PDB file of N, CA and C in Angstrom:
ATOM      1  N   MET A   1     -16.502  22.561  13.669  1.00  0.00           N
ATOM      2  CA  MET A   1     -16.189  21.363  12.920  1.00  0.00           C
ATOM      3  C   MET A   1     -15.339  21.744  11.712  1.00  0.00           C
ATOM      4  N   PRO A   2     -14.170  21.108  11.516  1.00  0.00           N
ATOM      5  CA  PRO A   2     -13.317  21.463  10.380  1.00  0.00           C
ATOM      6  C   PRO A   2     -13.890  20.943   9.072  1.00  0.00           C
ATOM      7  N   PHE A   3     -13.543  21.625   7.994  1.00  0.00           N
ATOM      8  CA  PHE A   3     -13.970  21.215   6.669  1.00  0.00           C
ATOM      9  C   PHE A   3     -13.016  20.175   6.112  1.00  0.00           C
ATOM     10  N   TYR A   4     -13.540  19.303   5.257  1.00  0.00           N
ATOM     11  CA  TYR A   4     -12.719  18.275   4.613  1.00  0.00           C
ATOM     12  C   TYR A   4     -11.848  18.922   3.551  1.00  0.00           C
ATOM     13  N   VAL A   5     -10.563  18.614   3.586  1.00  0.00           N
ATOM     14  CA  VAL A   5      -9.627  19.094   2.574  1.00  0.00           C
ATOM     15  C   VAL A   5      -9.131  17.874   1.809  1.00  0.00           C
ATOM     16  N   PRO A   6      -9.480  17.757   0.515  1.00  0.00           N
ATOM     17  CA  PRO A   6      -9.048  16.575  -0.240  1.00  0.00           C
ATOM     18  C   PRO A   6      -7.534  16.564  -0.419  1.00  0.00           C
ATOM     19  N   PRO A   7      -6.948  15.363  -0.538  1.00  0.00           N
ATOM     20  CA  PRO A   7      -5.496  15.262  -0.738  1.00  0.00           C
ATOM     21  C   PRO A   7      -5.057  15.932  -2.023  1.00  0.00           C
ATOM     22  N   LYS A   8      -3.837  16.451  -2.022  1.00  0.00           N
ATOM     23  CA  LYS A   8      -3.277  17.108  -3.189  1.00  0.00           C
ATOM     24  C   LYS A   8      -2.876  16.065  -4.221  1.00  0.00           C
ATOM     25  N   GLU A   9      -2.978  16.406  -5.481  1.00  0.00           N
ATOM     26  CA  GLU A   9      -2.588  15.501  -6.565  1.00  0.00           C
ATOM     27  C   GLU A   9      -1.108  15.680  -6.873  1.00  0.00           C
ATOM     28  N   HIS A  10      -0.276  15.247  -5.969  1.00  0.00           N
ATOM     29  CA  HIS A  10       1.170  15.357  -6.117  1.00  0.00           C
ATOM     30  C   HIS A  10       1.779  14.155  -5.416  1.00  0.00           C
ATOM     31  N   SER A  11       2.934  13.737  -5.823  1.00  0.00           N
ATOM     32  CA  SER A  11       3.527  12.544  -5.216  1.00  0.00           C
ATOM     33  C   SER A  11       4.430  12.916  -4.056  1.00  0.00           C
ATOM     34  N   PHE A  12       4.451  12.054  -3.035  1.00  0.00           N
ATOM     35  CA  PHE A  12       5.414  12.236  -1.972  1.00  0.00           C
ATOM     36  C   PHE A  12       6.696  11.532  -2.366  1.00  0.00           C
ATOM     37  N   ASP A  13       7.754  11.781  -1.648  1.00  0.00           N
ATOM     38  CA  ASP A  13       9.086  11.345  -2.046  1.00  0.00           C
ATOM     39  C   ASP A  13       9.333   9.885  -1.704  1.00  0.00           C
ATOM     40  N   ILE A  14       9.257   9.027  -2.704  1.00  0.00           N
ATOM     41  CA  ILE A  14       9.643   7.628  -2.580  1.00  0.00           C
ATOM     42  C   ILE A  14      10.671   7.374  -3.677  1.00  0.00           C
ATOM     43  N   ASP A  15      11.812   6.862  -3.282  1.00  0.00           N
ATOM     44  CA  ASP A  15      12.853   6.583  -4.261  1.00  0.00           C
ATOM     45  C   ASP A  15      12.357   5.603  -5.310  1.00  0.00           C
ATOM     46  N   LYS A  16      13.021   5.569  -6.437  1.00  0.00           N
ATOM     47  CA  LYS A  16      12.605   4.731  -7.553  1.00  0.00           C
ATOM     48  C   LYS A  16      13.312   3.379  -7.577  1.00  0.00           C
ATOM     49  N   GLU A  17      13.761   2.885  -6.425  1.00  0.00           N
ATOM     50  CA  GLU A  17      14.355   1.558  -6.354  1.00  0.00           C
ATOM     51  C   GLU A  17      13.283   0.515  -6.663  1.00  0.00           C
ATOM     52  N   PRO A  18      13.658  -0.673  -7.133  1.00  0.00           N
ATOM     53  CA  PRO A  18      12.668  -1.651  -7.584  1.00  0.00           C
ATOM     54  C   PRO A  18      11.689  -2.130  -6.522  1.00  0.00           C
ATOM     55  N   ASN A  19      12.162  -2.630  -5.391  1.00  0.00           N
ATOM     56  CA  ASN A  19      11.276  -3.181  -4.370  1.00  0.00           C
ATOM     57  C   ASN A  19      11.827  -2.901  -2.980  1.00  0.00           C
ATOM     58  N   TYR A  20      10.907  -2.711  -2.046  1.00  0.00           N
ATOM     59  CA  TYR A  20      11.264  -2.526  -0.646  1.00  0.00           C
ATOM     60  C   TYR A  20      10.450  -3.508   0.182  1.00  0.00           C
ATOM     61  N   ILE A  21      11.064  -4.117   1.179  1.00  0.00           N
ATOM     62  CA  ILE A  21      10.307  -4.888   2.160  1.00  0.00           C
ATOM     63  C   ILE A  21       9.737  -3.871   3.136  1.00  0.00           C
ATOM     64  N   VAL A  22       8.415  -3.895   3.331  1.00  0.00           N
ATOM     65  CA  VAL A  22       7.763  -2.915   4.193  1.00  0.00           C
ATOM     66  C   VAL A  22       6.848  -3.607   5.197  1.00  0.00           C
ATOM     67  N   PRO A  23       6.727  -3.038   6.408  1.00  0.00           N
ATOM     68  CA  PRO A  23       5.726  -3.544   7.342  1.00  0.00           C
ATOM     69  C   PRO A  23       4.352  -3.033   6.931  1.00  0.00           C
ATOM     70  N   VAL A  24       3.337  -3.897   7.037  1.00  0.00           N
ATOM     71  CA  VAL A  24       1.982  -3.568   6.590  1.00  0.00           C
ATOM     72  C   VAL A  24       0.981  -3.953   7.661  1.00  0.00           C
ATOM     73  N   ILE A  25      -0.021  -3.110   7.842  1.00  0.00           N
ATOM     74  CA  ILE A  25      -1.203  -3.473   8.615  1.00  0.00           C
ATOM     75  C   ILE A  25      -2.273  -3.814   7.589  1.00  0.00           C
ATOM     76  N   ALA A  26      -2.816  -5.018   7.693  1.00  0.00           N
ATOM     77  CA  ALA A  26      -3.772  -5.482   6.694  1.00  0.00           C
ATOM     78  C   ALA A  26      -4.994  -6.086   7.377  1.00  0.00           C
ATOM     79  N   SER A  27      -6.059  -6.165   6.608  1.00  0.00           N
ATOM     80  CA  SER A  27      -7.290  -6.796   7.062  1.00  0.00           C
ATOM     81  C   SER A  27      -7.392  -8.158   6.375  1.00  0.00           C
ATOM     82  N   PHE A  28      -7.685  -9.190   7.162  1.00  0.00           N
ATOM     83  CA  PHE A  28      -7.816 -10.539   6.627  1.00  0.00           C
ATOM     84  C   PHE A  28      -9.250 -11.019   6.848  1.00  0.00           C
ATOM     85  N   SER A  29      -9.849 -11.615   5.820  1.00  0.00           N
ATOM     86  CA  SER A  29     -11.211 -12.126   5.946  1.00  0.00           C
ATOM     87  C   SER A  29     -11.187 -13.605   6.323  1.00  0.00           C
ATOM     88  N   THR A  30     -12.331 -14.098   6.752  1.00  0.00           N
ATOM     89  CA  THR A  30     -12.441 -15.513   7.104  1.00  0.00           C
ATOM     90  C   THR A  30     -12.392 -16.410   5.878  1.00  0.00           C
ATOM     91  N   LYS A  31     -12.559 -15.828   4.686  1.00  0.00           N
ATOM     92  CA  LYS A  31     -12.520 -16.605   3.440  1.00  0.00           C
ATOM     93  C   LYS A  31     -11.144 -16.575   2.773  1.00  0.00           C
ATOM     94  N   GLY A  32     -10.150 -16.044   3.464  1.00  0.00           N
ATOM     95  CA  GLY A  32      -8.795 -16.049   2.918  1.00  0.00           C
ATOM     96  C   GLY A  32      -8.400 -14.787   2.183  1.00  0.00           C
ATOM     97  N   GLY A  33      -9.265 -13.801   2.145  1.00  0.00           N
ATOM     98  CA  GLY A  33      -8.935 -12.548   1.474  1.00  0.00           C
ATOM     99  C   GLY A  33      -8.050 -11.666   2.348  1.00  0.00           C
ATOM    100  N   VAL A  34      -7.336 -10.774   1.711  1.00  0.00           N
ATOM    101  CA  VAL A  34      -6.447  -9.855   2.419  1.00  0.00           C
ATOM    102  C   VAL A  34      -6.520  -8.496   1.734  1.00  0.00           C
ATOM    103  N   GLN A  35      -6.443  -7.431   2.545  1.00  0.00           N
ATOM    104  CA  GLN A  35      -6.436  -6.075   1.992  1.00  0.00           C
ATOM    105  C   GLN A  35      -5.521  -5.205   2.848  1.00  0.00           C
ATOM    106  N   PRO A  36      -4.541  -4.547   2.209  1.00  0.00           N
ATOM    107  CA  PRO A  36      -3.654  -3.665   2.973  1.00  0.00           C
ATOM    108  C   PRO A  36      -4.386  -2.403   3.417  1.00  0.00           C
ATOM    109  N   LEU A  37      -4.101  -1.946   4.645  1.00  0.00           N
ATOM    110  CA  LEU A  37      -4.704  -0.731   5.181  1.00  0.00           C
ATOM    111  C   LEU A  37      -3.667   0.385   5.358  1.00  0.00           C
ATOM    112  N   TYR A  38      -2.502   0.038   5.901  1.00  0.00           N
ATOM    113  CA  TYR A  38      -1.409   0.975   6.130  1.00  0.00           C
ATOM    114  C   TYR A  38      -0.092   0.260   5.859  1.00  0.00           C
ATOM    115  N   PHE A  39       0.927   1.015   5.446  1.00  0.00           N
ATOM    116  CA  PHE A  39       2.273   0.471   5.405  1.00  0.00           C
ATOM    117  C   PHE A  39       3.236   1.542   5.874  1.00  0.00           C
ATOM    118  N   GLN A  40       4.429   1.120   6.223  1.00  0.00           N
ATOM    119  CA  GLN A  40       5.416   2.044   6.751  1.00  0.00           C
ATOM    120  C   GLN A  40       6.594   2.105   5.796  1.00  0.00           C
ATOM    121  N   PHE A  41       7.015   3.341   5.507  1.00  0.00           N
ATOM    122  CA  PHE A  41       8.161   3.547   4.626  1.00  0.00           C
ATOM    123  C   PHE A  41       8.933   4.754   5.138  1.00  0.00           C
ATOM    124  N   ASP A  42      10.222   4.601   5.288  1.00  0.00           N
ATOM    125  CA  ASP A  42      11.080   5.686   5.737  1.00  0.00           C
ATOM    126  C   ASP A  42      10.583   6.274   7.065  1.00  0.00           C
ATOM    127  N   GLU A  43      10.189   5.366   7.976  1.00  0.00           N
ATOM    128  CA  GLU A  43       9.705   5.710   9.309  1.00  0.00           C
ATOM    129  C   GLU A  43       8.432   6.555   9.302  1.00  0.00           C
ATOM    130  N   LYS A  44       7.692   6.532   8.204  1.00  0.00           N
ATOM    131  CA  LYS A  44       6.416   7.234   8.121  1.00  0.00           C
ATOM    132  C   LYS A  44       5.313   6.224   7.850  1.00  0.00           C
ATOM    133  N   THR A  45       4.182   6.418   8.506  1.00  0.00           N
ATOM    134  CA  THR A  45       3.037   5.554   8.280  1.00  0.00           C
ATOM    135  C   THR A  45       2.215   6.124   7.138  1.00  0.00           C
ATOM    136  N   ILE A  46       1.946   5.290   6.146  1.00  0.00           N
ATOM    137  CA  ILE A  46       1.245   5.711   4.936  1.00  0.00           C
ATOM    138  C   ILE A  46      -0.076   4.963   4.857  1.00  0.00           C
ATOM    139  N   LYS A  47      -1.154   5.704   4.677  1.00  0.00           N
ATOM    140  CA  LYS A  47      -2.492   5.121   4.609  1.00  0.00           C
ATOM    141  C   LYS A  47      -2.813   4.704   3.177  1.00  0.00           C
ATOM    142  N   VAL A  48      -3.330   3.486   3.018  1.00  0.00           N
ATOM    143  CA  VAL A  48      -3.799   3.008   1.718  1.00  0.00           C
ATOM    144  C   VAL A  48      -5.224   3.526   1.545  1.00  0.00           C
ATOM    145  N   MET A  49      -5.409   4.445   0.605  1.00  0.00           N
ATOM    146  CA  MET A  49      -6.711   5.063   0.389  1.00  0.00           C
ATOM    147  C   MET A  49      -7.670   4.118  -0.336  1.00  0.00           C
ATOM    148  N   SER A  50      -7.159   3.432  -1.354  1.00  0.00           N
ATOM    149  CA  SER A  50      -8.006   2.496  -2.101  1.00  0.00           C
ATOM    150  C   SER A  50      -7.128   1.468  -2.799  1.00  0.00           C
ATOM    151  N   VAL A  51      -7.744   0.331  -3.089  1.00  0.00           N
ATOM    152  CA  VAL A  51      -7.099  -0.731  -3.852  1.00  0.00           C
ATOM    153  C   VAL A  51      -7.818  -0.799  -5.193  1.00  0.00           C
ATOM    154  N   HIS A  52      -7.087  -0.564  -6.286  1.00  0.00           N
ATOM    155  CA  HIS A  52      -7.688  -0.547  -7.618  1.00  0.00           C
ATOM    156  C   HIS A  52      -7.926  -1.956  -8.141  1.00  0.00           C
ATOM    157  N   TRP A  53      -6.988  -2.833  -7.911  1.00  0.00           N
ATOM    158  CA  TRP A  53      -7.168  -4.239  -8.273  1.00  0.00           C
ATOM    159  C   TRP A  53      -6.270  -5.109  -7.425  1.00  0.00           C
ATOM    160  N   CYS A  54      -6.677  -6.364  -7.323  1.00  0.00           N
ATOM    161  CA  CYS A  54      -5.914  -7.364  -6.590  1.00  0.00           C
ATOM    162  C   CYS A  54      -5.893  -8.628  -7.430  1.00  0.00           C
ATOM    163  N   GLU A  55      -4.735  -9.250  -7.507  1.00  0.00           N
ATOM    164  CA  GLU A  55      -4.590 -10.469  -8.290  1.00  0.00           C
ATOM    165  C   GLU A  55      -3.799 -11.478  -7.465  1.00  0.00           C
ATOM    166  N   LYS A  56      -4.297 -12.693  -7.391  1.00  0.00           N
ATOM    167  CA  LYS A  56      -3.548 -13.761  -6.724  1.00  0.00           C
ATOM    168  C   LYS A  56      -2.879 -14.592  -7.807  1.00  0.00           C
ATOM    169  N   LYS A  57      -1.548 -14.663  -7.712  1.00  0.00           N
ATOM    170  CA  LYS A  57      -0.790 -15.339  -8.749  1.00  0.00           C
ATOM    171  C   LYS A  57       0.490 -15.889  -8.144  1.00  0.00           C
ATOM    172  N   TYR A  58       0.788 -17.159  -8.391  1.00  0.00           N
ATOM    173  CA  TYR A  58       2.017 -17.793  -7.921  1.00  0.00           C
ATOM    174  C   TYR A  58       2.215 -17.631  -6.413  1.00  0.00           C
ATOM    175  N   ASN A  59       1.197 -17.959  -5.644  1.00  0.00           N
ATOM    176  CA  ASN A  59       1.258 -17.885  -4.174  1.00  0.00           C
ATOM    177  C   ASN A  59       1.590 -16.492  -3.656  1.00  0.00           C
ATOM    178  N   ALA A  60       1.129 -15.468  -4.360  1.00  0.00           N
ATOM    179  CA  ALA A  60       1.320 -14.080  -3.920  1.00  0.00           C
ATOM    180  C   ALA A  60       0.073 -13.281  -4.276  1.00  0.00           C
ATOM    181  N   PHE A  61      -0.194 -12.275  -3.466  1.00  0.00           N
ATOM    182  CA  PHE A  61      -1.280 -11.341  -3.737  1.00  0.00           C
ATOM    183  C   PHE A  61      -0.654 -10.037  -4.221  1.00  0.00           C
ATOM    184  N   HIS A  62      -1.064  -9.564  -5.393  1.00  0.00           N
ATOM    185  CA  HIS A  62      -0.549  -8.323  -5.964  1.00  0.00           C
ATOM    186  C   HIS A  62      -1.647  -7.260  -5.891  1.00  0.00           C
ATOM    187  N   PHE A  63      -1.327  -6.104  -5.321  1.00  0.00           N
ATOM    188  CA  PHE A  63      -2.283  -5.017  -5.156  1.00  0.00           C
ATOM    189  C   PHE A  63      -1.770  -3.772  -5.854  1.00  0.00           C
ATOM    190  N   GLU A  64      -2.647  -3.094  -6.585  1.00  0.00           N
ATOM    191  CA  GLU A  64      -2.355  -1.761  -7.107  1.00  0.00           C
ATOM    192  C   GLU A  64      -3.171  -0.802  -6.261  1.00  0.00           C
ATOM    193  N   CYS A  65      -2.489   0.115  -5.563  1.00  0.00           N
ATOM    194  CA  CYS A  65      -3.142   0.942  -4.549  1.00  0.00           C
ATOM    195  C   CYS A  65      -2.884   2.430  -4.771  1.00  0.00           C
ATOM    196  N   THR A  66      -3.770   3.227  -4.179  1.00  0.00           N
ATOM    197  CA  THR A  66      -3.552   4.652  -4.032  1.00  0.00           C
ATOM    198  C   THR A  66      -3.265   4.887  -2.559  1.00  0.00           C
ATOM    199  N   ALA A  67      -2.160   5.564  -2.264  1.00  0.00           N
ATOM    200  CA  ALA A  67      -1.750   5.800  -0.878  1.00  0.00           C
ATOM    201  C   ALA A  67      -1.615   7.293  -0.637  1.00  0.00           C
ATOM    202  N   GLU A  68      -1.743   7.693   0.640  1.00  0.00           N
ATOM    203  CA  GLU A  68      -1.656   9.104   1.002  1.00  0.00           C
ATOM    204  C   GLU A  68      -0.676   9.304   2.154  1.00  0.00           C
ATOM    205  N   LEU A  69       0.154  10.331   2.022  1.00  0.00           N
ATOM    206  CA  LEU A  69       1.063  10.729   3.093  1.00  0.00           C
ATOM    207  C   LEU A  69       1.157  12.242   3.098  1.00  0.00           C
ATOM    208  N   ASP A  70       0.864  12.836   4.231  1.00  0.00           N
ATOM    209  CA  ASP A  70       0.940  14.291   4.392  1.00  0.00           C
ATOM    210  C   ASP A  70       0.148  15.047   3.328  1.00  0.00           C
ATOM    211  N   GLY A  71      -1.002  14.519   2.942  1.00  0.00           N
ATOM    212  CA  GLY A  71      -1.857  15.190   1.972  1.00  0.00           C
ATOM    213  C   GLY A  71      -1.498  14.957   0.522  1.00  0.00           C
ATOM    214  N   TYR A  72      -0.505  14.116   0.244  1.00  0.00           N
ATOM    215  CA  TYR A  72      -0.116  13.820  -1.131  1.00  0.00           C
ATOM    216  C   TYR A  72      -0.543  12.408  -1.501  1.00  0.00           C
ATOM    217  N   ILE A  73      -0.936  12.232  -2.766  1.00  0.00           N
ATOM    218  CA  ILE A  73      -1.410  10.938  -3.265  1.00  0.00           C
ATOM    219  C   ILE A  73      -0.345  10.334  -4.170  1.00  0.00           C
ATOM    220  N   ARG A  74      -0.197   8.995  -4.059  1.00  0.00           N
ATOM    221  CA  ARG A  74       0.789   8.282  -4.874  1.00  0.00           C
ATOM    222  C   ARG A  74       0.257   6.899  -5.206  1.00  0.00           C
ATOM    223  N   GLU A  75       0.519   6.423  -6.403  1.00  0.00           N
ATOM    224  CA  GLU A  75       0.179   5.061  -6.791  1.00  0.00           C
ATOM    225  C   GLU A  75       1.335   4.143  -6.404  1.00  0.00           C
ATOM    226  N   VAL A  76       1.022   3.037  -5.729  1.00  0.00           N
ATOM    227  CA  VAL A  76       2.035   2.066  -5.332  1.00  0.00           C
ATOM    228  C   VAL A  76       1.520   0.657  -5.598  1.00  0.00           C
ATOM    229  N   ASN A  77       2.437  -0.258  -5.773  1.00  0.00           N
ATOM    230  CA  ASN A  77       2.110  -1.679  -5.868  1.00  0.00           C
ATOM    231  C   ASN A  77       2.608  -2.363  -4.610  1.00  0.00           C
ATOM    232  N   LEU A  78       1.741  -3.130  -3.972  1.00  0.00           N
ATOM    233  CA  LEU A  78       2.109  -3.925  -2.815  1.00  0.00           C
ATOM    234  C   LEU A  78       1.926  -5.386  -3.169  1.00  0.00           C
ATOM    235  N   THR A  79       2.874  -6.216  -2.772  1.00  0.00           N
ATOM    236  CA  THR A  79       2.796  -7.650  -3.014  1.00  0.00           C
ATOM    237  C   THR A  79       2.981  -8.371  -1.689  1.00  0.00           C
ATOM    238  N   PHE A  80       2.069  -9.311  -1.412  1.00  0.00           N
ATOM    239  CA  PHE A  80       2.108 -10.084  -0.174  1.00  0.00           C
ATOM    240  C   PHE A  80       2.406 -11.541  -0.513  1.00  0.00           C
ATOM    241  N   PHE A  81       3.434 -12.094   0.132  1.00  0.00           N
ATOM    242  CA  PHE A  81       3.779 -13.500  -0.004  1.00  0.00           C
ATOM    243  C   PHE A  81       3.411 -14.192   1.302  1.00  0.00           C
ATOM    244  N   PRO A  82       2.252 -14.866   1.369  1.00  0.00           N
ATOM    245  CA  PRO A  82       1.809 -15.463   2.619  1.00  0.00           C
ATOM    246  C   PRO A  82       2.737 -16.552   3.149  1.00  0.00           C
ATOM    247  N   ASN A  83       3.390 -17.303   2.281  1.00  0.00           N
ATOM    248  CA  ASN A  83       4.294 -18.367   2.745  1.00  0.00           C
ATOM    249  C   ASN A  83       5.488 -17.792   3.499  1.00  0.00           C
ATOM    250  N   GLU A  84       5.943 -16.605   3.110  1.00  0.00           N
ATOM    251  CA  GLU A  84       7.064 -15.944   3.766  1.00  0.00           C
ATOM    252  C   GLU A  84       6.598 -14.905   4.780  1.00  0.00           C
ATOM    253  N   ASN A  85       5.309 -14.575   4.744  1.00  0.00           N
ATOM    254  CA  ASN A  85       4.725 -13.527   5.580  1.00  0.00           C
ATOM    255  C   ASN A  85       5.470 -12.198   5.387  1.00  0.00           C
ATOM    256  N   ARG A  86       5.711 -11.831   4.117  1.00  0.00           N
ATOM    257  CA  ARG A  86       6.421 -10.612   3.766  1.00  0.00           C
ATOM    258  C   ARG A  86       5.634  -9.785   2.766  1.00  0.00           C
ATOM    259  N   TRP A  87       5.752  -8.475   2.913  1.00  0.00           N
ATOM    260  CA  TRP A  87       5.149  -7.515   2.003  1.00  0.00           C
ATOM    261  C   TRP A  87       6.270  -6.754   1.284  1.00  0.00           C
ATOM    262  N   PHE A  88       6.081  -6.536  -0.008  1.00  0.00           N
ATOM    263  CA  PHE A  88       7.010  -5.744  -0.801  1.00  0.00           C
ATOM    264  C   PHE A  88       6.256  -4.577  -1.411  1.00  0.00           C
ATOM    265  N   MET A  89       6.912  -3.418  -1.464  1.00  0.00           N
ATOM    266  CA  MET A  89       6.316  -2.217  -2.050  1.00  0.00           C
ATOM    267  C   MET A  89       7.172  -1.771  -3.228  1.00  0.00           C
ATOM    268  N   LYS A  90       6.494  -1.405  -4.313  1.00  0.00           N
ATOM    269  CA  LYS A  90       7.169  -0.877  -5.474  1.00  0.00           C
ATOM    270  C   LYS A  90       6.418   0.380  -5.910  1.00  0.00           C
ATOM    271  N   PRO A  91       7.088   1.554  -5.946  1.00  0.00           N
ATOM    272  CA  PRO A  91       6.414   2.764  -6.412  1.00  0.00           C
ATOM    273  C   PRO A  91       6.133   2.677  -7.904  1.00  0.00           C
ATOM    274  N   LYS A  92       5.090   3.353  -8.331  1.00  0.00           N
ATOM    275  CA  LYS A  92       4.769   3.391  -9.763  1.00  0.00           C
ATOM    276  C   LYS A  92       5.316   4.639 -10.385  1.00  0.00           C
TER     277      LYS A  92
END
């Protein structure tokens, strides 16, 4: 059985452009809640490790998340616009 290796405290390479439209796999509750699980950026699938906070404002859900790719951790903001069915990602 392999041992658990915690992710490294270093950022993976995401450009510093303001916003990107990204595909997201999310979990939706029967009460209208939503939580991102994975998103794709630069043809790589990135796992959302945790959501620090979520705020619903102006018909959008704003998430501050910790994401992991190839053992590196990065803080990202994801915004979901349900009326447009679009997700936007902004690196921190």
